[in-house]
Amino acid sequence: MSIFSLLAETAENTPFDYRIIIEYAIYAAIIVVGIFILALLKRADRLPKHMELKKLLLTFSDDLKTFSKAAPSLTRYQFFRRISKLLYRADKLEFITAQMADKERDGDIENASLRIQAARDFISPYKFGKRENTDLGGIAEAADKIAEAIAIFDKIMVRDDELKARRAKKNAD
């Protein structure tokens, strides 16, 4: 007796079972959900473009300036919370620019990352106990460092535009 005849005989003797269809439907649903989650993770892991990063830096710079104006009227808790948020955003921007510099192997982006790190270093002393000192010079210096990083990204975007123009000209020829 061959294996094929044995399989055919067992297939004839077993009733049609809906459990198998349900199991396969569940497996298919799990696979679809997994692919969706992987797509979301890939999108979240994407580094921003230069223009997007410049916009993030501009909003961070504006927030630093508004914070320095509003700081004297803030309570101790509000001051601590806003400084914590500013430090978090500085850390995030520093991390993003460091990743971009590594990925693109660009020294200019690395310089911008160092400026953001310096800005973070100017902000960090205010997190714990520097509220009594009403001198907010560190915040102003941090805003200056962020402005330097923005200027670096302006130069990077001009350089990118020149490269695109050269490539377009080269492809047209």
N, C-alpha and C. Protein backbone atom coordinates (compact mmCIF):
# COMPACT_ATOMS: atom_id res chain seq x y z
N MET A 1 0.84 -1.16 0.00
CA MET A 1 0.00 0.00 0.00
C MET A 1 0.90 1.24 0.00
N SER A 2 0.62 2.13 -0.88
CA SER A 2 1.47 3.32 -0.98
C SER A 2 0.98 4.41 -0.03
N ILE A 3 1.83 5.35 0.16
CA ILE A 3 1.51 6.45 1.07
C ILE A 3 0.38 7.32 0.53
N PHE A 4 0.30 7.43 -0.79
CA PHE A 4 -0.75 8.26 -1.38
C PHE A 4 -2.13 7.64 -1.16
N SER A 5 -2.20 6.35 -1.29
CA SER A 5 -3.49 5.69 -1.08
C SER A 5 -3.89 5.78 0.40
N LEU A 6 -2.91 5.71 1.28
CA LEU A 6 -3.19 5.83 2.70
C LEU A 6 -3.72 7.22 3.03
N LEU A 7 -3.10 8.25 2.44
CA LEU A 7 -3.57 9.62 2.66
C LEU A 7 -4.97 9.83 2.07
N ALA A 8 -5.23 9.29 0.91
CA ALA A 8 -6.54 9.42 0.29
C ALA A 8 -7.61 8.73 1.14
N GLU A 9 -7.29 7.59 1.70
CA GLU A 9 -8.24 6.85 2.52
C GLU A 9 -8.56 7.60 3.81
N THR A 10 -7.55 8.18 4.43
CA THR A 10 -7.80 8.94 5.66
C THR A 10 -8.56 10.22 5.37
N ALA A 11 -8.32 10.83 4.20
CA ALA A 11 -9.05 12.05 3.84
C ALA A 11 -10.52 11.75 3.62
N GLU A 12 -10.85 10.59 3.11
CA GLU A 12 -12.24 10.23 2.88
C GLU A 12 -12.95 9.92 4.19
N ASN A 13 -12.21 9.42 5.17
CA ASN A 13 -12.85 9.01 6.42
C ASN A 13 -13.03 10.15 7.42
N THR A 14 -12.29 11.24 7.28
CA THR A 14 -12.41 12.33 8.24
C THR A 14 -13.46 13.33 7.78
N PRO A 15 -14.32 13.78 8.69
CA PRO A 15 -15.33 14.76 8.31
C PRO A 15 -14.67 16.15 8.12
N PHE A 16 -15.34 17.01 7.38
CA PHE A 16 -14.83 18.37 7.14
C PHE A 16 -14.81 19.12 8.46
N ASP A 17 -13.64 19.64 8.81
CA ASP A 17 -13.47 20.27 10.11
C ASP A 17 -13.25 21.78 9.93
N TYR A 18 -14.11 22.56 10.57
CA TYR A 18 -14.00 24.01 10.47
C TYR A 18 -12.90 24.57 11.37
N ARG A 19 -12.42 23.77 12.30
CA ARG A 19 -11.35 24.22 13.18
C ARG A 19 -10.10 24.61 12.39
N ILE A 20 -9.80 23.86 11.36
CA ILE A 20 -8.61 24.14 10.55
C ILE A 20 -8.75 25.49 9.85
N ILE A 21 -9.93 25.76 9.33
CA ILE A 21 -10.16 27.05 8.66
C ILE A 21 -10.02 28.19 9.67
N ILE A 22 -10.57 28.03 10.84
CA ILE A 22 -10.47 29.06 11.87
C ILE A 22 -9.02 29.26 12.29
N GLU A 23 -8.28 28.16 12.45
CA GLU A 23 -6.87 28.27 12.83
C GLU A 23 -6.08 29.04 11.77
N TYR A 24 -6.30 28.70 10.51
CA TYR A 24 -5.58 29.40 9.45
C TYR A 24 -5.99 30.87 9.35
N ALA A 25 -7.24 31.15 9.61
CA ALA A 25 -7.69 32.55 9.62
C ALA A 25 -7.01 33.32 10.74
N ILE A 26 -6.88 32.69 11.90
CA ILE A 26 -6.19 33.33 13.02
C ILE A 26 -4.71 33.54 12.69
N TYR A 27 -4.08 32.55 12.10
CA TYR A 27 -2.67 32.70 11.69
C TYR A 27 -2.50 33.84 10.69
N ALA A 28 -3.41 33.93 9.74
CA ALA A 28 -3.34 35.01 8.75
C ALA A 28 -3.52 36.37 9.41
N ALA A 29 -4.44 36.46 10.38
CA ALA A 29 -4.65 37.73 11.09
C ALA A 29 -3.40 38.11 11.89
N ILE A 30 -2.77 37.15 12.52
CA ILE A 30 -1.54 37.42 13.29
C ILE A 30 -0.44 37.90 12.36
N ILE A 31 -0.32 37.30 11.19
CA ILE A 31 0.71 37.72 10.23
C ILE A 31 0.44 39.14 9.75
N VAL A 32 -0.81 39.46 9.45
CA VAL A 32 -1.16 40.81 8.98
C VAL A 32 -0.87 41.84 10.07
N VAL A 33 -1.24 41.56 11.30
CA VAL A 33 -0.97 42.48 12.41
C VAL A 33 0.54 42.63 12.61
N GLY A 34 1.28 41.56 12.50
CA GLY A 34 2.74 41.63 12.64
C GLY A 34 3.37 42.49 11.56
N ILE A 35 2.92 42.34 10.32
CA ILE A 35 3.45 43.17 9.24
C ILE A 35 3.11 44.63 9.47
N PHE A 36 1.91 44.91 9.95
CA PHE A 36 1.50 46.28 10.25
C PHE A 36 2.38 46.89 11.34
N ILE A 37 2.65 46.14 12.38
CA ILE A 37 3.51 46.62 13.47
C ILE A 37 4.93 46.87 12.97
N LEU A 38 5.45 45.98 12.13
CA LEU A 38 6.78 46.18 11.57
C LEU A 38 6.83 47.43 10.70
N ALA A 39 5.78 47.70 9.95
CA ALA A 39 5.73 48.91 9.13
C ALA A 39 5.74 50.16 10.01
N LEU A 40 4.98 50.12 11.10
CA LEU A 40 4.97 51.26 12.03
C LEU A 40 6.34 51.47 12.67
N LEU A 41 7.00 50.38 13.05
CA LEU A 41 8.32 50.50 13.65
C LEU A 41 9.33 51.07 12.66
N LYS A 42 9.25 50.65 11.43
CA LYS A 42 10.16 51.17 10.41
C LYS A 42 9.94 52.66 10.21
N ARG A 43 8.68 53.07 10.20
CA ARG A 43 8.38 54.49 10.02
C ARG A 43 8.85 55.30 11.23
N ALA A 44 8.69 54.77 12.41
CA ALA A 44 9.11 55.49 13.62
C ALA A 44 10.62 55.56 13.72
N ASP A 45 11.30 54.59 13.15
CA ASP A 45 12.77 54.55 13.23
C ASP A 45 13.43 55.41 12.16
N ARG A 46 12.65 55.95 11.25
CA ARG A 46 13.18 56.76 10.16
C ARG A 46 13.76 58.07 10.69
N LEU A 47 14.93 58.44 10.18
CA LEU A 47 15.53 59.71 10.56
C LEU A 47 14.87 60.83 9.78
N PRO A 48 14.75 62.01 10.39
CA PRO A 48 14.10 63.11 9.67
C PRO A 48 15.00 63.64 8.55
N LYS A 49 14.38 64.32 7.61
CA LYS A 49 15.13 64.98 6.56
C LYS A 49 15.74 66.25 7.13
N HIS A 50 16.65 66.85 6.39
CA HIS A 50 17.35 68.03 6.89
C HIS A 50 16.38 69.17 7.19
N MET A 51 15.38 69.37 6.34
CA MET A 51 14.42 70.46 6.55
C MET A 51 13.58 70.19 7.79
N GLU A 52 13.18 68.95 7.99
CA GLU A 52 12.40 68.60 9.18
C GLU A 52 13.20 68.84 10.45
N LEU A 53 14.48 68.48 10.41
CA LEU A 53 15.33 68.69 11.59
C LEU A 53 15.54 70.17 11.85
N LYS A 54 15.68 70.94 10.79
CA LYS A 54 15.83 72.39 10.97
C LYS A 54 14.58 72.98 11.63
N LYS A 55 13.40 72.50 11.24
CA LYS A 55 12.17 72.98 11.86
C LYS A 55 12.13 72.60 13.34
N LEU A 56 12.57 71.40 13.66
CA LEU A 56 12.63 70.99 15.07
C LEU A 56 13.57 71.89 15.86
N LEU A 57 14.71 72.22 15.25
CA LEU A 57 15.67 73.10 15.92
C LEU A 57 15.10 74.51 16.09
N LEU A 58 14.38 74.99 15.09
CA LEU A 58 13.77 76.33 15.20
C LEU A 58 12.73 76.38 16.31
N THR A 59 11.89 75.35 16.42
CA THR A 59 10.90 75.34 17.49
C THR A 59 11.57 75.22 18.86
N PHE A 60 12.65 74.45 18.92
CA PHE A 60 13.37 74.33 20.18
C PHE A 60 14.00 75.66 20.57
N SER A 61 14.55 76.37 19.60
CA SER A 61 15.13 77.69 19.87
C SER A 61 14.06 78.67 20.34
N ASP A 62 12.91 78.65 19.70
CA ASP A 62 11.81 79.53 20.12
C ASP A 62 11.35 79.18 21.53
N ASP A 63 11.29 77.90 21.86
CA ASP A 63 10.88 77.49 23.20
C ASP A 63 11.90 77.92 24.25
N LEU A 64 13.17 77.88 23.91
CA LEU A 64 14.20 78.36 24.85
C LEU A 64 14.03 79.85 25.11
N LYS A 65 13.75 80.61 24.07
CA LYS A 65 13.58 82.06 24.24
C LYS A 65 12.33 82.39 25.04
N THR A 66 11.24 81.69 24.78
CA THR A 66 10.02 81.95 25.56
C THR A 66 10.19 81.51 27.01
N PHE A 67 10.95 80.44 27.21
CA PHE A 67 11.20 80.00 28.58
C PHE A 67 12.00 81.04 29.35
N SER A 68 13.02 81.61 28.73
CA SER A 68 13.85 82.59 29.44
C SER A 68 13.05 83.83 29.80
N LYS A 69 12.03 84.16 28.98
CA LYS A 69 11.17 85.31 29.31
C LYS A 69 10.20 84.99 30.43
N ALA A 70 9.70 83.76 30.45
CA ALA A 70 8.67 83.37 31.42
C ALA A 70 9.25 82.81 32.72
N ALA A 71 10.53 82.53 32.76
CA ALA A 71 11.13 81.86 33.92
C ALA A 71 10.96 82.58 35.25
N PRO A 72 11.11 83.90 35.31
CA PRO A 72 10.97 84.55 36.63
C PRO A 72 9.58 84.41 37.26
N SER A 73 8.56 84.23 36.45
CA SER A 73 7.20 84.14 37.00
C SER A 73 6.76 82.69 37.27
N LEU A 74 7.61 81.74 37.00
CA LEU A 74 7.24 80.34 37.19
C LEU A 74 7.47 79.90 38.63
N THR A 75 6.62 78.96 39.08
CA THR A 75 6.86 78.36 40.39
C THR A 75 8.02 77.37 40.27
N ARG A 76 8.48 76.90 41.39
CA ARG A 76 9.62 75.98 41.39
C ARG A 76 9.30 74.70 40.61
N TYR A 77 8.10 74.18 40.79
CA TYR A 77 7.69 72.97 40.10
C TYR A 77 7.57 73.20 38.59
N GLN A 78 6.93 74.30 38.19
CA GLN A 78 6.81 74.62 36.77
C GLN A 78 8.18 74.81 36.13
N PHE A 79 9.08 75.46 36.86
CA PHE A 79 10.44 75.67 36.36
C PHE A 79 11.13 74.33 36.13
N PHE A 80 11.02 73.43 37.11
CA PHE A 80 11.63 72.11 37.00
C PHE A 80 11.04 71.32 35.82
N ARG A 81 9.73 71.35 35.66
CA ARG A 81 9.08 70.61 34.56
C ARG A 81 9.51 71.13 33.20
N ARG A 82 9.55 72.44 33.06
CA ARG A 82 9.92 73.00 31.74
C ARG A 82 11.38 72.73 31.43
N ILE A 83 12.24 72.83 32.42
CA ILE A 83 13.66 72.51 32.20
C ILE A 83 13.81 71.04 31.84
N SER A 84 13.06 70.18 32.51
CA SER A 84 13.12 68.75 32.19
C SER A 84 12.69 68.48 30.76
N LYS A 85 11.64 69.14 30.31
CA LYS A 85 11.17 68.97 28.94
C LYS A 85 12.20 69.50 27.95
N LEU A 86 12.80 70.64 28.26
CA LEU A 86 13.83 71.18 27.37
C LEU A 86 15.04 70.26 27.29
N LEU A 87 15.43 69.69 28.42
CA LEU A 87 16.55 68.75 28.41
C LEU A 87 16.22 67.50 27.61
N TYR A 88 15.00 67.00 27.74
CA TYR A 88 14.59 65.83 26.97
C TYR A 88 14.66 66.12 25.47
N ARG A 89 14.14 67.27 25.08
CA ARG A 89 14.18 67.62 23.66
C ARG A 89 15.60 67.83 23.16
N ALA A 90 16.45 68.40 23.99
CA ALA A 90 17.86 68.57 23.60
C ALA A 90 18.53 67.21 23.43
N ASP A 91 18.26 66.31 24.35
CA ASP A 91 18.81 64.95 24.24
C ASP A 91 18.33 64.27 22.95
N LYS A 92 17.06 64.41 22.67
CA LYS A 92 16.50 63.78 21.48
C LYS A 92 17.12 64.38 20.21
N LEU A 93 17.25 65.70 20.16
CA LEU A 93 17.85 66.34 18.99
C LEU A 93 19.32 65.95 18.84
N GLU A 94 20.01 65.86 19.96
CA GLU A 94 21.41 65.45 19.92
C GLU A 94 21.54 64.01 19.40
N PHE A 95 20.67 63.14 19.85
CA PHE A 95 20.69 61.75 19.41
C PHE A 95 20.39 61.64 17.92
N ILE A 96 19.38 62.37 17.46
CA ILE A 96 19.00 62.33 16.05
C ILE A 96 20.15 62.84 15.17
N THR A 97 20.75 63.95 15.56
CA THR A 97 21.83 64.50 14.74
C THR A 97 23.06 63.60 14.76
N ALA A 98 23.33 62.96 15.89
CA ALA A 98 24.46 62.04 15.95
C ALA A 98 24.21 60.84 15.03
N GLN A 99 22.98 60.34 15.02
CA GLN A 99 22.66 59.23 14.13
C GLN A 99 22.76 59.65 12.68
N MET A 100 22.27 60.85 12.36
CA MET A 100 22.36 61.33 10.99
C MET A 100 23.81 61.50 10.56
N ALA A 101 24.64 62.01 11.46
CA ALA A 101 26.05 62.20 11.13
C ALA A 101 26.72 60.87 10.86
N ASP A 102 26.38 59.85 11.65
CA ASP A 102 26.96 58.53 11.43
C ASP A 102 26.45 57.91 10.12
N LYS A 103 25.17 58.05 9.87
CA LYS A 103 24.60 57.45 8.69
C LYS A 103 25.12 58.12 7.41
N GLU A 104 25.15 59.45 7.41
CA GLU A 104 25.56 60.18 6.22
C GLU A 104 27.07 60.43 6.17
N ARG A 105 27.74 60.15 7.27
CA ARG A 105 29.19 60.39 7.39
C ARG A 105 29.51 61.83 7.02
N ASP A 106 28.81 62.73 7.71
CA ASP A 106 28.90 64.15 7.42
C ASP A 106 29.45 64.88 8.65
N GLY A 107 30.57 65.54 8.46
CA GLY A 107 31.20 66.28 9.56
C GLY A 107 30.42 67.51 9.96
N ASP A 108 29.70 68.12 9.02
CA ASP A 108 28.92 69.31 9.35
C ASP A 108 27.76 68.96 10.29
N ILE A 109 27.12 67.85 10.04
CA ILE A 109 26.04 67.43 10.94
C ILE A 109 26.63 67.07 12.31
N GLU A 110 27.81 66.51 12.32
CA GLU A 110 28.49 66.21 13.60
C GLU A 110 28.77 67.50 14.37
N ASN A 111 29.17 68.56 13.65
CA ASN A 111 29.38 69.86 14.31
C ASN A 111 28.07 70.39 14.89
N ALA A 112 26.98 70.24 14.16
CA ALA A 112 25.68 70.66 14.68
C ALA A 112 25.31 69.85 15.92
N SER A 113 25.62 68.56 15.89
CA SER A 113 25.35 67.71 17.05
C SER A 113 26.15 68.17 18.26
N LEU A 114 27.38 68.56 18.04
CA LEU A 114 28.21 69.06 19.15
C LEU A 114 27.66 70.37 19.70
N ARG A 115 27.11 71.23 18.83
CA ARG A 115 26.50 72.48 19.30
C ARG A 115 25.27 72.19 20.15
N ILE A 116 24.49 71.21 19.72
CA ILE A 116 23.29 70.84 20.50
C ILE A 116 23.70 70.25 21.84
N GLN A 117 24.76 69.48 21.84
CA GLN A 117 25.27 68.92 23.10
C GLN A 117 25.74 70.04 24.03
N ALA A 118 26.40 71.04 23.47
CA ALA A 118 26.84 72.18 24.29
C ALA A 118 25.62 72.92 24.85
N ALA A 119 24.58 73.07 24.04
CA ALA A 119 23.35 73.73 24.52
C ALA A 119 22.74 72.93 25.66
N ARG A 120 22.74 71.62 25.54
CA ARG A 120 22.21 70.79 26.61
C ARG A 120 23.03 70.94 27.87
N ASP A 121 24.35 71.05 27.72
CA ASP A 121 25.22 71.24 28.88
C ASP A 121 24.97 72.58 29.56
N PHE A 122 24.56 73.60 28.79
CA PHE A 122 24.24 74.89 29.39
C PHE A 122 22.90 74.85 30.13
N ILE A 123 21.98 74.01 29.68
CA ILE A 123 20.65 73.92 30.30
C ILE A 123 20.67 73.04 31.54
N SER A 124 21.47 72.01 31.55
CA SER A 124 21.41 70.99 32.61
C SER A 124 21.64 71.51 34.03
N PRO A 125 22.47 72.52 34.28
CA PRO A 125 22.61 72.95 35.68
C PRO A 125 21.34 73.53 36.30
N TYR A 126 20.41 73.97 35.46
CA TYR A 126 19.18 74.55 35.98
C TYR A 126 18.17 73.51 36.46
N LYS A 127 18.43 72.26 36.14
CA LYS A 127 17.45 71.23 36.49
C LYS A 127 17.35 71.03 38.00
N PHE A 128 18.46 71.04 38.70
CA PHE A 128 18.43 70.76 40.13
C PHE A 128 19.02 71.91 40.93
N GLY A 129 18.16 72.72 41.50
CA GLY A 129 18.57 73.67 42.50
C GLY A 129 19.15 74.99 42.04
N LYS A 130 19.20 75.27 40.79
CA LYS A 130 19.74 76.55 40.36
C LYS A 130 18.64 77.61 40.21
N ARG A 131 17.46 77.34 40.71
CA ARG A 131 16.33 78.27 40.60
C ARG A 131 16.57 79.52 41.41
N GLU A 132 17.28 79.42 42.52
CA GLU A 132 17.51 80.57 43.37
C GLU A 132 18.31 81.65 42.62
N ASN A 133 19.19 81.20 41.75
CA ASN A 133 19.99 82.12 40.95
C ASN A 133 19.12 82.58 39.78
N THR A 134 18.77 83.86 39.77
CA THR A 134 17.89 84.37 38.72
C THR A 134 18.64 84.65 37.43
N ASP A 135 19.91 84.39 37.40
CA ASP A 135 20.69 84.56 36.18
C ASP A 135 20.37 83.42 35.22
N LEU A 136 19.78 83.75 34.10
CA LEU A 136 19.44 82.75 33.11
C LEU A 136 20.37 82.84 31.90
N GLY A 137 21.62 83.18 32.16
CA GLY A 137 22.60 83.30 31.09
C GLY A 137 22.86 81.99 30.38
N GLY A 138 22.76 80.89 31.10
CA GLY A 138 22.96 79.58 30.49
C GLY A 138 21.90 79.27 29.45
N ILE A 139 20.68 79.71 29.70
CA ILE A 139 19.60 79.49 28.75
C ILE A 139 19.85 80.32 27.49
N ALA A 140 20.32 81.56 27.66
CA ALA A 140 20.64 82.40 26.51
C ALA A 140 21.80 81.82 25.71
N GLU A 141 22.80 81.29 26.41
CA GLU A 141 23.93 80.67 25.71
C GLU A 141 23.48 79.40 24.97
N ALA A 142 22.56 78.66 25.57
CA ALA A 142 22.02 77.48 24.91
C ALA A 142 21.27 77.87 23.64
N ALA A 143 20.51 78.95 23.72
CA ALA A 143 19.79 79.44 22.53
C ALA A 143 20.78 79.86 21.44
N ASP A 144 21.91 80.45 21.85
CA ASP A 144 22.94 80.84 20.87
C ASP A 144 23.54 79.60 20.20
N LYS A 145 23.80 78.56 20.97
CA LYS A 145 24.35 77.33 20.40
C LYS A 145 23.36 76.68 19.43
N ILE A 146 22.09 76.71 19.78
CA ILE A 146 21.08 76.17 18.88
C ILE A 146 21.01 77.00 17.61
N ALA A 147 21.16 78.32 17.73
CA ALA A 147 21.18 79.18 16.55
C ALA A 147 22.37 78.84 15.65
N GLU A 148 23.50 78.51 16.26
CA GLU A 148 24.67 78.08 15.48
C GLU A 148 24.38 76.77 14.75
N ALA A 149 23.71 75.85 15.41
CA ALA A 149 23.34 74.58 14.78
C ALA A 149 22.38 74.83 13.61
N ILE A 150 21.46 75.77 13.78
CA ILE A 150 20.52 76.11 12.70
C ILE A 150 21.28 76.68 11.51
N ALA A 151 22.27 77.54 11.79
CA ALA A 151 23.08 78.10 10.71
C ALA A 151 23.85 77.01 9.97
N ILE A 152 24.33 76.02 10.70
CA ILE A 152 25.03 74.90 10.06
C ILE A 152 24.06 74.14 9.14
N PHE A 153 22.83 73.93 9.61
CA PHE A 153 21.86 73.23 8.77
C PHE A 153 21.45 74.06 7.57
N ASP A 154 21.46 75.39 7.70
CA ASP A 154 21.20 76.22 6.52
C ASP A 154 22.27 75.98 5.46
N LYS A 155 23.53 75.91 5.89
CA LYS A 155 24.62 75.65 4.95
C LYS A 155 24.50 74.25 4.34
N ILE A 156 24.10 73.28 5.15
CA ILE A 156 23.93 71.91 4.66
C ILE A 156 22.83 71.86 3.60
N MET A 157 21.74 72.58 3.82
CA MET A 157 20.65 72.56 2.85
C MET A 157 21.05 73.27 1.56
N VAL A 158 21.85 74.33 1.64
CA VAL A 158 22.36 74.97 0.43
C VAL A 158 23.25 74.00 -0.33
N ARG A 159 24.10 73.30 0.40
CA ARG A 159 24.98 72.31 -0.22
C ARG A 159 24.17 71.19 -0.88
N ASP A 160 23.11 70.74 -0.22
CA ASP A 160 22.25 69.70 -0.79
C ASP A 160 21.59 70.19 -2.08
N ASP A 161 21.14 71.44 -2.09
CA ASP A 161 20.52 71.98 -3.29
C ASP A 161 21.52 72.05 -4.45
N GLU A 162 22.76 72.43 -4.15
CA GLU A 162 23.79 72.47 -5.19
C GLU A 162 24.07 71.07 -5.73
N LEU A 163 24.11 70.08 -4.84
CA LEU A 163 24.34 68.71 -5.29
C LEU A 163 23.19 68.20 -6.17
N LYS A 164 21.96 68.53 -5.80
CA LYS A 164 20.82 68.14 -6.61
C LYS A 164 20.87 68.79 -7.98
N ALA A 165 21.27 70.06 -8.02
CA ALA A 165 21.37 70.76 -9.31
C ALA A 165 22.46 70.12 -10.18
N ARG A 166 23.59 69.76 -9.58
CA ARG A 166 24.66 69.10 -10.33
C ARG A 166 24.21 67.75 -10.87
N ARG A 167 23.52 66.99 -10.05
CA ARG A 167 23.03 65.68 -10.49
C ARG A 167 22.01 65.82 -11.61
N ALA A 168 21.14 66.80 -11.49
CA ALA A 168 20.13 67.01 -12.53
C ALA A 168 20.82 67.43 -13.83
N LYS A 169 21.82 68.29 -13.73
CA LYS A 169 22.55 68.72 -14.92
C LYS A 169 23.30 67.55 -15.53
N LYS A 170 23.92 66.72 -14.69
CA LYS A 170 24.68 65.57 -15.16
C LYS A 170 23.74 64.56 -15.84
N ASN A 171 22.56 64.34 -15.26
CA ASN A 171 21.60 63.40 -15.85
C ASN A 171 20.99 63.95 -17.13
N ALA A 172 20.88 65.26 -17.24
CA ALA A 172 20.32 65.87 -18.44
C ALA A 172 21.29 65.79 -19.61
N ASP A 173 22.58 65.80 -19.31
CA ASP A 173 23.59 65.75 -20.39
C ASP A 173 23.77 64.39 -20.95
